[in-house]
Amino acid sequence: MKIILQLRSAVLLGFCFFSLTACMQHFKFSDEAVSQYYQNKDYLPSFAFSDTLNHKIHYAFSKDSSKPLLMLIHGAPGAWFGYKEFFKDSLLLNKYQIIAPDRAGYNKSHVGETSIAIQAHLLRPLISRSERRVVVLGRSYGAPIAAKLAMDNPDLVDELILIAPACDPQKEKFWWFSKPVNSKLARFFLPTYANRASDEKFTHRKELEKIVQDWGKIKCPVTILQGGKDWIIEPSNGAFVDSVLKAPRRFIFLPENGHLITSERYELIRDILLELN
């Protein structure tokens, strides 16, 4: 019986490795791929680093600094290029200067960090230099970091957009493969960004609990988008955020959409961004 159980675990873990490595090819975007994607050089983002608390945060940004600032915060795993289509959208570029960081430990931002508060602090310099209107958009695990930015900096964030927000500490979702993927054996074979995501996964509930009392500090208007067929997070997360906010907000529930709302409903999100004053 013990041998059968060991063989079953080995098969399941092997399946995990195969599935994850295939899936995670989407989290790679080389400098050459960047150049090919932005063949029209007018859309090619610029890149820089911000250094805070000995963390070098890499970020992409569009060039026109005279426009309102739109910061895009990715989930886990992820990188700035998860928003690469935003940098090719002439309608958005005509309205905003877009900035999209690699969160701590992802892509070219080295040294991982699981604290939501510290991650928000690391991104603060990217908006504090601006005297313009600032819109912050965060999706999935990036949503509570975007929210924490607004909680701690009500004078800097003018509008907050939370998409598929993984924010309810009581609804942190785990799967059968969560623990095997976080084992020493699995971590040895998996890429760094996958392990960073696991680190966040297994500390996320406690980190969310730390900010539960801070939701009332958000003063700016908030837009929440949640898919009804989201299998990555519990769909009730959107309603949770709606219930804990005191700021003006609108909750857009999309019953037929899943977790990847920024790609599934890109035009809706663009329209929301364009209609903001």
Protein backbone atom coordinates (compact mmCIF):
# COMPACT_ATOMS: atom_id res chain seq x y z
CA MET A 1 0.00 0.00 0.00
CA LYS A 2 2.83 2.40 0.92
CA ILE A 3 4.57 1.77 -2.42
CA ILE A 4 1.31 2.40 -4.30
CA LEU A 5 0.81 5.69 -2.47
CA GLN A 6 4.39 6.75 -3.25
CA LEU A 7 3.92 5.89 -6.93
CA ARG A 8 0.63 7.79 -6.98
CA SER A 9 2.29 10.86 -5.43
CA ALA A 10 5.16 10.65 -7.93
CA VAL A 11 2.72 10.50 -10.87
CA LEU A 12 0.71 13.43 -9.54
CA LEU A 13 3.86 15.48 -8.94
CA GLY A 14 5.10 14.64 -12.43
CA PHE A 15 1.78 15.80 -13.83
CA CYS A 16 2.19 19.04 -11.85
CA PHE A 17 5.64 19.65 -13.32
CA PHE A 18 4.44 19.01 -16.87
CA SER A 19 1.35 21.20 -16.52
CA LEU A 20 3.12 24.06 -14.79
CA THR A 21 6.12 24.22 -17.07
CA ALA A 22 3.83 24.20 -20.12
CA CYS A 23 1.59 26.88 -18.64
CA MET A 24 4.44 29.05 -17.44
CA GLN A 25 5.89 29.51 -20.89
CA HIS A 26 3.43 32.43 -21.01
CA PHE A 27 5.46 34.17 -18.29
CA LYS A 28 8.53 34.60 -20.47
CA PHE A 29 9.11 37.62 -22.70
CA SER A 30 12.68 38.19 -23.84
CA ASP A 31 14.15 41.53 -24.92
CA GLU A 32 14.08 40.23 -28.49
CA ALA A 33 10.40 39.34 -28.14
CA VAL A 34 9.74 42.85 -26.83
CA SER A 35 11.34 44.39 -29.92
CA GLN A 36 9.37 42.08 -32.22
CA TYR A 37 6.09 42.78 -30.44
CA TYR A 38 6.56 46.55 -30.68
CA GLN A 39 7.68 46.67 -34.30
CA ASN A 40 6.18 50.13 -34.46
CA LYS A 41 8.84 51.87 -32.36
CA ASP A 42 6.40 54.65 -31.48
CA TYR A 43 4.82 52.20 -29.02
CA LEU A 44 8.04 50.70 -27.62
CA PRO A 45 8.10 51.30 -23.83
CA SER A 46 11.11 52.70 -22.03
CA PHE A 47 12.58 50.85 -19.04
CA ALA A 48 14.17 51.89 -15.77
CA PHE A 49 14.80 50.80 -12.17
CA SER A 50 13.62 52.28 -8.89
CA ASP A 51 15.71 51.52 -5.78
CA THR A 52 13.88 51.39 -2.45
CA LEU A 53 14.84 49.42 0.70
CA ASN A 54 17.62 47.75 -1.31
CA HIS A 55 15.05 46.41 -3.78
CA LYS A 56 15.62 47.28 -7.43
CA ILE A 57 12.19 47.49 -9.01
CA HIS A 58 12.22 47.25 -12.79
CA TYR A 59 9.41 48.95 -14.68
CA ALA A 60 8.21 49.77 -18.17
CA PHE A 61 6.76 53.16 -18.99
CA SER A 62 5.43 55.12 -21.93
CA LYS A 63 7.15 58.35 -22.75
CA ASP A 64 4.66 61.21 -22.40
CA SER A 65 4.99 62.38 -18.79
CA SER A 66 2.58 65.30 -19.30
CA LYS A 67 -0.48 63.04 -19.12
CA PRO A 68 -2.21 61.51 -16.07
CA LEU A 69 -0.40 58.45 -14.74
CA LEU A 70 -1.80 54.92 -15.03
CA MET A 71 0.01 52.28 -12.97
CA LEU A 72 -0.66 48.61 -13.78
CA ILE A 73 0.19 46.01 -11.10
CA HIS A 74 0.39 42.33 -12.09
CA GLY A 75 -0.57 39.19 -10.18
CA ALA A 76 1.42 36.09 -9.20
CA PRO A 77 3.28 35.00 -11.17
CA GLY A 78 3.53 37.85 -13.63
CA ALA A 79 5.57 40.74 -14.99
CA TRP A 80 5.09 44.10 -16.69
CA PHE A 81 4.52 42.40 -20.04
CA GLY A 82 1.26 40.94 -18.77
CA TYR A 83 -0.02 44.39 -19.76
CA LYS A 84 1.93 44.66 -23.00
CA GLU A 85 -1.19 45.32 -25.09
CA PHE A 86 -1.92 48.46 -23.03
CA PHE A 87 1.32 49.97 -24.34
CA LYS A 88 0.13 49.51 -27.95
CA ASP A 89 -3.29 51.05 -27.41
CA SER A 90 -3.26 54.52 -28.97
CA LEU A 91 -6.47 55.50 -27.17
CA LEU A 92 -4.94 54.78 -23.76
CA LEU A 93 -1.61 56.33 -24.72
CA ASN A 94 -3.38 59.51 -25.80
CA LYS A 95 -4.87 59.81 -22.32
CA TYR A 96 -2.24 58.34 -19.96
CA GLN A 97 1.39 57.86 -19.31
CA ILE A 98 1.41 54.13 -18.56
CA ILE A 99 3.78 52.53 -16.06
CA ALA A 100 3.92 48.80 -15.33
CA PRO A 101 6.40 47.47 -12.75
CA ASP A 102 7.79 43.99 -12.24
CA ARG A 103 6.82 43.30 -8.63
CA ALA A 104 9.60 42.32 -6.21
CA GLY A 105 11.14 38.99 -7.20
CA TYR A 106 9.57 38.81 -10.66
CA ASN A 107 11.24 39.18 -14.06
CA LYS A 108 13.98 41.84 -13.66
CA SER A 109 13.01 42.99 -10.15
CA HIS A 110 15.24 40.94 -7.87
CA VAL A 111 14.76 39.96 -4.19
CA GLY A 112 11.34 38.50 -3.50
CA GLU A 113 8.93 40.02 -0.99
CA THR A 114 5.72 38.52 0.41
CA SER A 115 4.61 41.47 2.56
CA ILE A 116 1.74 43.36 0.93
CA ALA A 117 2.66 46.51 2.87
CA ILE A 118 6.30 46.41 1.78
CA GLN A 119 5.40 45.67 -1.83
CA ALA A 120 3.12 48.71 -1.84
CA HIS A 121 5.92 50.78 -0.29
CA LEU A 122 8.33 49.62 -3.01
CA LEU A 123 5.96 50.89 -5.71
CA ARG A 124 5.20 54.21 -4.04
CA PRO A 125 8.17 56.09 -5.61
CA LEU A 126 6.76 55.37 -9.07
CA ILE A 127 3.70 57.51 -8.32
CA SER A 128 5.06 59.93 -5.71
CA ARG A 129 7.16 61.72 -8.32
CA SER A 130 4.03 62.77 -10.13
CA GLU A 131 1.96 65.88 -9.49
CA ARG A 132 -0.59 64.60 -11.98
CA ARG A 133 -3.74 62.57 -11.55
CA VAL A 134 -2.88 58.95 -10.69
CA VAL A 135 -4.95 55.87 -11.51
CA VAL A 136 -3.80 52.54 -10.03
CA LEU A 137 -5.03 49.23 -11.46
CA GLY A 138 -4.21 45.91 -9.83
CA ARG A 139 -5.36 42.43 -10.77
CA SER A 140 -5.46 39.17 -8.81
CA TYR A 141 -2.60 39.19 -6.24
CA GLY A 142 -1.70 42.66 -7.48
CA ALA A 143 -5.10 43.99 -6.36
CA PRO A 144 -4.40 44.05 -2.59
CA ILE A 145 -1.07 45.75 -3.29
CA ALA A 146 -2.86 48.39 -5.37
CA ALA A 147 -5.39 48.76 -2.54
CA LYS A 148 -2.61 49.12 0.05
CA LEU A 149 -1.07 51.88 -2.05
CA ALA A 150 -4.38 53.73 -1.89
CA MET A 151 -4.78 52.99 1.84
CA ASP A 152 -1.36 54.39 2.71
CA ASN A 153 -1.31 57.23 0.19
CA PRO A 154 -4.77 58.78 -0.08
CA ASP A 155 -3.16 62.01 -1.26
CA LEU A 156 -1.46 60.27 -4.20
CA VAL A 157 -4.04 57.82 -5.61
CA ASP A 158 -7.01 59.44 -7.34
CA GLU A 159 -8.73 56.33 -8.72
CA LEU A 160 -8.41 52.62 -7.95
CA ILE A 161 -9.39 49.70 -10.19
CA LEU A 162 -9.33 46.15 -8.78
CA ILE A 163 -9.75 43.26 -11.21
CA ALA A 164 -10.38 39.69 -10.00
CA PRO A 165 -9.14 40.90 -6.60
CA ALA A 166 -7.65 38.20 -4.35
CA CYS A 167 -8.47 40.15 -1.19
CA ASP A 168 -10.64 38.09 1.17
CA PRO A 169 -8.40 36.35 3.74
CA GLN A 170 -11.13 33.83 4.53
CA LYS A 171 -11.43 32.73 0.91
CA GLU A 172 -7.79 32.09 -0.01
CA LYS A 173 -8.07 29.16 -2.39
CA PHE A 174 -5.78 26.10 -2.43
CA TRP A 175 -5.72 23.13 -4.79
CA TRP A 176 -4.58 19.54 -4.44
CA PHE A 177 -1.24 20.43 -6.06
CA SER A 178 -0.52 23.55 -3.96
CA LYS A 179 1.57 21.81 -1.31
CA PRO A 180 3.39 19.38 -3.66
CA VAL A 181 4.41 22.30 -5.89
CA ASN A 182 5.83 24.08 -2.84
CA SER A 183 7.90 21.07 -1.75
CA LYS A 184 11.70 21.24 -1.81
CA LEU A 185 11.83 18.80 -4.72
CA ALA A 186 9.38 20.75 -6.84
CA ARG A 187 10.97 24.11 -6.02
CA PHE A 188 14.34 22.78 -7.21
CA PHE A 189 12.95 22.19 -10.71
CA LEU A 190 10.54 25.09 -11.04
CA PRO A 191 11.58 28.54 -12.29
CA THR A 192 12.15 31.38 -9.82
CA TYR A 193 8.91 33.17 -10.65
CA ALA A 194 6.89 30.02 -9.87
CA ASN A 195 8.55 29.74 -6.47
CA ARG A 196 7.93 33.45 -5.83
CA ALA A 197 4.26 32.83 -6.53
CA SER A 198 4.25 29.89 -4.08
CA ASP A 199 5.90 32.06 -1.42
CA GLU A 200 3.13 34.61 -1.84
CA LYS A 201 0.45 31.92 -1.91
CA PHE A 202 1.39 30.44 1.44
CA THR A 203 1.68 33.80 3.21
CA HIS A 204 -1.19 35.57 1.46
CA ARG A 205 -3.93 34.85 3.98
CA LYS A 206 -1.93 36.31 6.88
CA GLU A 207 -0.91 39.29 4.76
CA LEU A 208 -4.54 39.98 3.84
CA GLU A 209 -5.55 39.74 7.49
CA LYS A 210 -3.05 42.51 8.28
CA ILE A 211 -4.85 44.98 6.01
CA VAL A 212 -8.47 44.08 6.79
CA GLN A 213 -8.81 47.09 9.11
CA ASP A 214 -7.31 49.46 6.52
CA TRP A 215 -9.95 49.27 3.80
CA GLY A 216 -11.76 52.23 5.31
CA LYS A 217 -8.67 54.37 4.70
CA ILE A 218 -9.25 54.33 0.95
CA LYS A 219 -10.76 57.70 -0.04
CA CYS A 220 -10.67 57.60 -3.83
CA PRO A 221 -13.38 56.09 -6.07
CA VAL A 222 -12.95 52.35 -6.64
CA THR A 223 -14.08 50.12 -9.52
CA ILE A 224 -14.22 46.36 -8.85
CA LEU A 225 -14.52 43.76 -11.61
CA GLN A 226 -15.16 40.12 -10.74
CA GLY A 227 -15.88 37.14 -12.94
CA GLY A 228 -18.53 34.63 -11.95
CA LYS A 229 -16.58 31.71 -13.44
CA ASP A 230 -13.27 32.57 -11.78
CA TRP A 231 -11.58 29.29 -10.82
CA ILE A 232 -8.34 30.88 -9.59
CA ILE A 233 -9.95 32.83 -6.75
CA GLU A 234 -13.38 32.51 -5.16
CA PRO A 235 -15.83 34.73 -7.10
CA SER A 236 -17.06 36.08 -3.76
CA ASN A 237 -13.84 38.12 -3.49
CA GLY A 238 -15.38 40.94 -5.50
CA ALA A 239 -18.35 41.20 -3.15
CA PHE A 240 -15.98 41.15 -0.16
CA VAL A 241 -14.12 44.20 -1.44
CA ASP A 242 -17.41 45.95 -2.15
CA SER A 243 -18.56 45.26 1.43
CA VAL A 244 -15.47 46.55 3.26
CA LEU A 245 -15.04 49.80 1.33
CA LYS A 246 -16.38 53.11 2.57
CA ALA A 247 -15.20 55.05 -0.47
CA PRO A 248 -17.43 55.60 -3.53
CA ARG A 249 -17.36 52.43 -5.58
CA ARG A 250 -18.99 50.43 -8.32
CA PHE A 251 -19.00 46.66 -8.41
CA ILE A 252 -19.18 45.12 -11.88
CA PHE A 253 -19.98 41.41 -11.72
CA LEU A 254 -19.36 39.51 -14.95
CA PRO A 255 -21.15 36.15 -14.57
CA GLU A 256 -19.73 34.55 -17.73
CA ASN A 257 -16.12 35.61 -17.26
CA GLY A 258 -13.24 33.87 -15.49
CA HIS A 259 -10.08 35.14 -13.86
CA LEU A 260 -8.37 36.62 -16.93
CA ILE A 261 -10.68 39.60 -17.26
CA THR A 262 -7.99 41.94 -18.61
CA SER A 263 -7.75 39.77 -21.71
CA GLU A 264 -11.32 38.44 -21.84
CA ARG A 265 -12.86 41.90 -21.45
CA TYR A 266 -10.04 44.18 -22.55
CA GLU A 267 -12.31 46.64 -24.33
CA LEU A 268 -14.51 47.00 -21.23
CA ILE A 269 -11.48 47.82 -19.09
CA ARG A 270 -10.19 50.26 -21.69
CA ASP A 271 -13.57 51.97 -21.79
CA ILE A 272 -13.58 52.28 -18.01
CA LEU A 273 -10.13 53.85 -18.09
CA LEU A 274 -11.06 56.22 -20.89
CA GLU A 275 -14.21 57.46 -19.19
CA LEU A 276 -12.40 58.46 -15.98
CA ASN A 277 -12.11 62.22 -15.53
